[in-house]
N, C-alpha and C. Protein backbone atom coordinates (compact mmCIF):
# COMPACT_ATOMS: atom_id res chain seq x y z
N UNK A 1 -7.39 -5.38 -4.42
CA UNK A 1 -7.65 -5.86 -2.83
C UNK A 1 -6.71 -6.76 -2.41
N UNK A 2 -6.19 -7.08 -1.07
CA UNK A 2 -5.27 -8.30 -0.98
C UNK A 2 -6.10 -8.98 -0.41
N UNK A 3 -5.62 -10.42 -0.79
CA UNK A 3 -6.53 -11.69 -0.44
C UNK A 3 -5.42 -12.74 -0.04
N UNK A 4 -5.26 -13.49 1.35
CA UNK A 4 -4.80 -14.44 1.56
C UNK A 4 -5.52 -14.99 1.95
N UNK A 5 -4.76 -16.72 1.42
CA UNK A 5 -5.90 -18.03 1.97
C UNK A 5 -5.01 -18.68 3.12
N UNK A 6 -6.02 -19.36 4.56
CA UNK A 6 -4.76 -19.73 4.91
C UNK A 6 -5.52 -20.78 5.25
N UNK A 7 -4.93 -22.45 4.54
CA UNK A 7 -5.47 -23.29 4.48
C UNK A 7 -5.73 -23.91 6.21
N UNK A 8 -6.90 -24.04 6.93
CA UNK A 8 -6.99 -24.28 8.60
C UNK A 8 -6.87 -25.91 8.17
N UNK A 9 -7.76 -26.37 6.92
CA UNK A 9 -7.31 -27.64 7.36
C UNK A 9 -5.97 -28.84 7.34
N UNK A 10 -5.19 -28.00 7.06
CA UNK A 10 -4.00 -28.27 7.03
C UNK A 10 -3.16 -27.94 8.59
N UNK A 11 -3.96 -27.33 9.53
CA UNK A 11 -3.46 -27.11 10.72
C UNK A 11 -4.15 -28.52 12.02
N UNK A 12 -2.64 -28.69 12.13
CA UNK A 12 -2.70 -29.81 12.90
C UNK A 12 -2.48 -29.39 14.08
N UNK A 13 -1.37 -28.53 14.88
CA UNK A 13 -0.78 -28.27 15.89
C UNK A 13 0.11 -27.37 15.62
N UNK A 14 0.96 -26.64 16.65
CA UNK A 14 1.63 -25.53 16.44
C UNK A 14 2.48 -25.35 15.48
N UNK A 15 2.95 -26.80 15.32
CA UNK A 15 4.02 -26.60 13.75
C UNK A 15 3.49 -26.05 13.22
N UNK A 16 2.50 -26.56 12.24
CA UNK A 16 1.59 -26.62 11.14
C UNK A 16 0.56 -25.21 11.32
N UNK A 17 0.77 -24.57 11.79
CA UNK A 17 -0.22 -23.50 12.70
C UNK A 17 0.99 -22.65 11.81
N UNK A 18 2.36 -22.54 12.49
CA UNK A 18 3.00 -21.60 12.00
C UNK A 18 3.57 -22.00 10.22
N UNK A 19 3.93 -23.01 9.74
CA UNK A 19 4.06 -23.18 8.77
C UNK A 19 2.96 -22.86 7.77
N UNK A 20 1.75 -23.09 7.73
CA UNK A 20 0.51 -22.62 7.04
C UNK A 20 0.39 -21.19 6.80
N UNK A 21 1.32 -20.47 8.25
CA UNK A 21 0.70 -19.15 8.44
C UNK A 21 1.69 -18.30 7.61
N UNK A 22 3.20 -18.91 7.87
CA UNK A 22 4.41 -18.35 6.60
C UNK A 22 3.98 -18.76 5.11
N UNK A 23 3.43 -19.27 4.78
CA UNK A 23 2.96 -19.79 3.39
C UNK A 23 2.19 -18.50 3.16
N UNK A 24 1.29 -18.44 3.66
CA UNK A 24 -0.21 -17.73 2.96
C UNK A 24 0.42 -16.64 3.48
N UNK A 25 1.21 -15.80 4.40
CA UNK A 25 1.77 -14.43 3.98
C UNK A 25 2.93 -14.18 4.10
N UNK A 26 3.85 -15.29 3.39
CA UNK A 26 5.02 -14.63 2.87
C UNK A 26 5.89 -14.37 3.91
N UNK A 27 5.93 -14.82 5.08
CA UNK A 27 6.86 -14.96 6.17
C UNK A 27 8.20 -15.40 5.93
N UNK A 28 8.80 -14.10 6.24
CA UNK A 28 10.69 -14.58 6.25
C UNK A 28 11.51 -15.80 6.55
N UNK A 29 12.44 -15.77 5.94
CA UNK A 29 12.81 -17.17 6.88
C UNK A 29 13.18 -17.13 7.68
N UNK A 30 13.09 -16.36 8.16
CA UNK A 30 14.23 -15.75 10.15
C UNK A 30 12.78 -15.83 11.04
N UNK A 31 11.24 -16.57 9.98
CA UNK A 31 10.42 -15.78 11.24
C UNK A 31 10.04 -16.91 12.29
N UNK A 32 9.79 -16.57 13.60
CA UNK A 32 10.38 -17.07 15.03
C UNK A 32 9.14 -18.62 14.43
N UNK A 33 8.39 -18.43 14.35
CA UNK A 33 7.11 -19.97 14.83
C UNK A 33 6.82 -19.70 16.16
N UNK A 34 6.02 -18.47 16.11
CA UNK A 34 5.60 -18.39 18.01
C UNK A 34 4.68 -16.96 17.36
N UNK A 35 4.11 -16.62 18.32
CA UNK A 35 2.22 -16.07 18.13
C UNK A 35 3.10 -14.40 18.44
N UNK A 36 4.30 -14.17 19.34
CA UNK A 36 4.92 -12.84 18.35
C UNK A 36 5.23 -12.58 17.85
N UNK A 37 5.96 -13.10 17.17
CA UNK A 37 6.29 -13.02 15.71
C UNK A 37 5.63 -12.64 14.55
N UNK A 38 4.33 -14.09 14.79
CA UNK A 38 2.80 -13.78 13.82
C UNK A 38 2.49 -12.41 13.92
N UNK A 39 2.55 -11.85 14.74
CA UNK A 39 2.01 -10.44 15.70
C UNK A 39 2.64 -9.39 14.91
N UNK A 40 4.04 -9.67 15.09
CA UNK A 40 4.80 -8.59 14.51
C UNK A 40 5.33 -8.37 12.89
N UNK A 41 5.14 -9.44 12.52
CA UNK A 41 5.26 -10.18 10.87
C UNK A 41 4.20 -9.08 10.12
N UNK A 42 2.66 -8.56 10.68
CA UNK A 42 1.44 -8.71 10.52
C UNK A 42 1.14 -6.87 10.43
N UNK A 43 1.79 -6.27 11.68
CA UNK A 43 1.76 -5.08 12.09
C UNK A 43 2.27 -4.58 11.56
N UNK A 44 3.22 -4.38 10.41
CA UNK A 44 3.51 -3.36 9.70
C UNK A 44 3.76 -3.75 8.20
N UNK A 45 1.87 -3.96 7.77
CA UNK A 45 1.93 -4.43 5.93
C UNK A 45 2.40 -3.34 5.78
N UNK A 46 1.79 -1.81 5.62
CA UNK A 46 1.70 -1.06 4.78
C UNK A 46 2.96 -0.09 4.66
N UNK A 47 4.19 -1.11 5.53
CA UNK A 47 5.08 -0.48 5.25
C UNK A 47 6.53 -0.72 4.42
N UNK A 48 5.93 -2.23 4.24
CA UNK A 48 6.62 -3.34 3.42
C UNK A 48 8.08 -3.40 3.85
N UNK A 49 7.79 -3.82 4.76
CA UNK A 49 9.40 -3.93 5.95
C UNK A 49 9.93 -5.92 5.53
N UNK A 50 8.95 -6.43 4.53
CA UNK A 50 9.91 -7.53 4.28
C UNK A 50 9.52 -8.34 5.22
N UNK A 51 8.51 -7.90 6.28
CA UNK A 51 8.51 -9.23 7.12
C UNK A 51 6.85 -10.18 6.16
N UNK A 52 6.57 -8.95 5.05
CA UNK A 52 5.30 -10.34 5.04
C UNK A 52 5.87 -9.99 2.98
N UNK A 53 4.86 -10.89 2.27
CA UNK A 53 4.76 -10.78 0.83
C UNK A 53 3.77 -9.95 0.64
N UNK A 54 3.29 -9.35 1.82
CA UNK A 54 2.13 -8.29 1.13
C UNK A 54 2.34 -6.86 1.68
N UNK A 55 1.99 -5.54 0.61
CA UNK A 55 2.26 -4.36 1.50
C UNK A 55 0.74 -3.85 0.77
N UNK A 56 0.25 -3.15 1.75
CA UNK A 56 -0.90 -2.30 1.91
C UNK A 56 -0.65 -1.01 1.50
N UNK A 57 -1.33 -0.78 1.08
CA UNK A 57 -1.90 0.17 0.51
C UNK A 57 -2.31 1.53 1.31
N UNK A 58 -2.95 3.10 0.91
CA UNK A 58 -3.22 3.44 2.37
C UNK A 58 -4.72 3.26 2.23
N UNK A 59 -5.56 3.13 3.45
CA UNK A 59 -6.89 2.23 3.51
C UNK A 59 -7.16 0.66 2.98
N UNK A 60 -6.11 0.47 3.01
CA UNK A 60 -5.98 -0.88 1.89
C UNK A 60 -6.41 -2.40 2.83
N UNK A 61 -6.73 -3.29 2.90
CA UNK A 61 -7.09 -4.45 4.20
C UNK A 61 -6.72 -5.84 3.52
N UNK A 62 -5.94 -6.19 4.69
CA UNK A 62 -5.83 -7.56 3.74
C UNK A 62 -7.23 -8.82 3.96
N UNK A 63 -7.64 -9.07 3.43
CA UNK A 63 -8.64 -10.58 3.58
C UNK A 63 -8.07 -11.69 3.30
N UNK A 64 -8.12 -12.64 4.54
CA UNK A 64 -7.83 -13.76 4.60
C UNK A 64 -8.96 -14.53 4.85
N UNK A 65 -9.05 -15.41 3.64
CA UNK A 65 -10.16 -16.57 3.42
C UNK A 65 -9.41 -17.88 4.46
N UNK A 66 -10.45 -18.18 5.16
CA UNK A 66 -10.04 -19.95 6.80
C UNK A 66 -10.71 -20.80 5.52
N UNK A 67 -10.23 -21.19 4.84
CA UNK A 67 -10.68 -22.36 4.74
C UNK A 67 -11.19 -23.28 5.91
N UNK A 68 -12.02 -24.31 5.25
CA UNK A 68 -12.60 -25.19 6.26
C UNK A 68 -12.30 -24.70 7.60
N UNK A 69 -12.81 -23.30 7.82
CA UNK A 69 -12.77 -22.74 9.17
C UNK A 69 -13.53 -22.98 10.53
N UNK A 70 -14.50 -23.46 10.49
CA UNK A 70 -15.78 -24.09 11.06
C UNK A 70 -14.98 -25.49 11.83
N UNK A 71 -14.71 -26.14 10.89
CA UNK A 71 -14.03 -27.73 11.67
C UNK A 71 -12.42 -26.96 12.45
N UNK A 72 -12.25 -26.23 11.84
CA UNK A 72 -10.72 -25.72 12.58
C UNK A 72 -11.23 -25.50 13.57
N UNK A 73 -11.97 -24.88 14.20
CA UNK A 73 -12.82 -24.51 15.59
C UNK A 73 -13.45 -25.34 16.66
N UNK A 74 -13.47 -26.39 15.32
CA UNK A 74 -14.07 -27.99 16.27
C UNK A 74 -12.57 -28.79 16.76
N UNK A 75 -11.77 -28.62 15.88
CA UNK A 75 -10.39 -29.39 15.95
C UNK A 75 -9.50 -28.85 16.88
N UNK A 76 -9.61 -27.91 16.56
CA UNK A 76 -8.40 -27.43 16.92
C UNK A 76 -8.64 -26.02 18.35
N UNK A 77 -9.62 -25.98 19.11
CA UNK A 77 -9.87 -24.48 19.18
C UNK A 77 -9.29 -24.07 20.25
N UNK A 78 -7.84 -24.55 20.71
CA UNK A 78 -6.56 -23.68 21.08
C UNK A 78 -6.25 -22.82 20.26
N UNK A 79 -5.76 -23.83 19.30
CA UNK A 79 -4.83 -23.06 18.29
C UNK A 79 -6.18 -21.78 17.72
N UNK A 80 -7.45 -22.46 17.53
CA UNK A 80 -7.99 -21.29 16.73
C UNK A 80 -8.30 -19.98 17.69
N UNK A 81 -8.48 -20.14 18.75
CA UNK A 81 -8.68 -18.85 19.93
C UNK A 81 -7.02 -18.14 19.81
N UNK A 82 -6.22 -18.34 19.68
CA UNK A 82 -5.11 -18.07 19.96
C UNK A 82 -4.75 -17.39 18.62
N UNK A 83 -5.30 -17.17 17.62
CA UNK A 83 -5.36 -16.86 16.19
C UNK A 83 -6.02 -15.81 16.40
N UNK A 84 -7.28 -15.93 16.81
CA UNK A 84 -8.25 -14.60 16.57
C UNK A 84 -7.82 -14.32 17.78
N UNK A 85 -7.04 -14.38 18.60
CA UNK A 85 -7.09 -13.05 19.78
C UNK A 85 -5.73 -12.76 18.85
N UNK A 86 -4.75 -13.22 18.15
CA UNK A 86 -3.43 -12.49 17.77
C UNK A 86 -4.03 -11.58 16.26
N UNK A 87 -5.26 -11.70 15.94
CA UNK A 87 -5.53 -11.24 14.92
C UNK A 87 -5.94 -10.19 15.25
N UNK A 88 -6.90 -10.06 16.62
CA UNK A 88 -7.34 -8.85 17.39
C UNK A 88 -6.00 -8.28 17.81
N UNK A 89 -5.33 -9.11 18.22
CA UNK A 89 -3.85 -7.47 18.47
C UNK A 89 -3.48 -6.87 17.65
N UNK A 90 -3.22 -7.79 16.70
CA UNK A 90 -2.68 -6.87 15.32
C UNK A 90 -3.47 -5.41 14.70
N UNK A 91 -4.92 -6.01 14.81
CA UNK A 91 -5.80 -4.71 14.23
C UNK A 91 -5.79 -3.93 15.15
N UNK A 92 -5.66 -3.91 16.96
CA UNK A 92 -5.52 -3.09 17.91
C UNK A 92 -4.21 -2.04 17.34
N UNK A 93 -3.33 -2.62 17.57
CA UNK A 93 -2.05 -1.75 17.67
C UNK A 93 -2.62 -0.99 16.10
N UNK A 94 -2.98 -1.41 14.63
CA UNK A 94 -3.05 -0.27 13.96
C UNK A 94 -4.16 0.72 14.42
N UNK A 95 -5.19 0.64 15.25
CA UNK A 95 -5.99 1.58 15.36
C UNK A 95 -5.56 2.29 16.79
N UNK A 96 -4.84 1.57 17.21
CA UNK A 96 -3.58 2.61 18.65
C UNK A 96 -2.56 3.70 17.61
N UNK A 97 -2.73 3.07 16.73
CA UNK A 97 -1.39 4.09 15.92
C UNK A 97 -2.17 5.02 15.16
N UNK A 98 -3.42 5.27 15.00
CA UNK A 98 -4.52 5.93 13.70
C UNK A 98 -4.89 5.20 12.96
N UNK A 99 -4.68 4.32 12.90
CA UNK A 99 -5.16 3.82 11.73
C UNK A 99 -6.38 2.96 12.14
N UNK A 100 -6.85 1.93 10.32
CA UNK A 100 -8.00 1.20 9.95
C UNK A 100 -7.40 0.16 10.52
N UNK A 101 -8.38 -0.85 11.12
CA UNK A 101 -7.99 -2.45 11.01
C UNK A 101 -7.92 -2.49 10.09
N UNK A 102 -6.44 -3.72 9.93
CA UNK A 102 -5.76 -4.07 8.21
C UNK A 102 -6.73 -5.40 8.02
N UNK A 103 -6.64 -6.47 9.06
CA UNK A 103 -6.73 -7.93 8.97
C UNK A 103 -8.28 -8.14 8.80
N UNK A 104 -8.60 -8.62 7.47
CA UNK A 104 -10.29 -9.04 7.51
C UNK A 104 -10.30 -10.44 7.22
N UNK A 105 -11.20 -10.76 8.33
CA UNK A 105 -11.16 -13.03 8.25
C UNK A 105 -12.63 -13.44 7.60
N UNK A 106 -12.03 -13.98 6.66
CA UNK A 106 -13.64 -14.11 5.92
C UNK A 106 -13.75 -15.75 5.93
N UNK A 107 -14.34 -16.37 7.08
CA UNK A 107 -14.65 -17.87 7.42
C UNK A 107 -15.51 -18.10 6.22
N UNK A 108 -14.85 -19.81 5.34
CA UNK A 108 -15.34 -20.24 4.80
C UNK A 108 -15.53 -22.15 4.96
């Protein structure tokens, strides 16, 4: 089981969201620090294209532990909603390609 931890307590603004995401998912140094790049980096996890430190096997999902998620949703609602929408976009790409949703959120 693949597992990443996103420490949402450290997310105070967009730059810190992207920094925490890059750390949690192992994005490359040239990661674009925007939601389109975030979505692109997590869209090809089974391919091992170097856009993330994770490579998923057939039928494998990436479980994303979200530390302090309730507080994050309250203090950073705009970023939180954009994050949730981005996860949905990534999973929709997988579904559209005939695959299973690959990202699973685990609020803590």
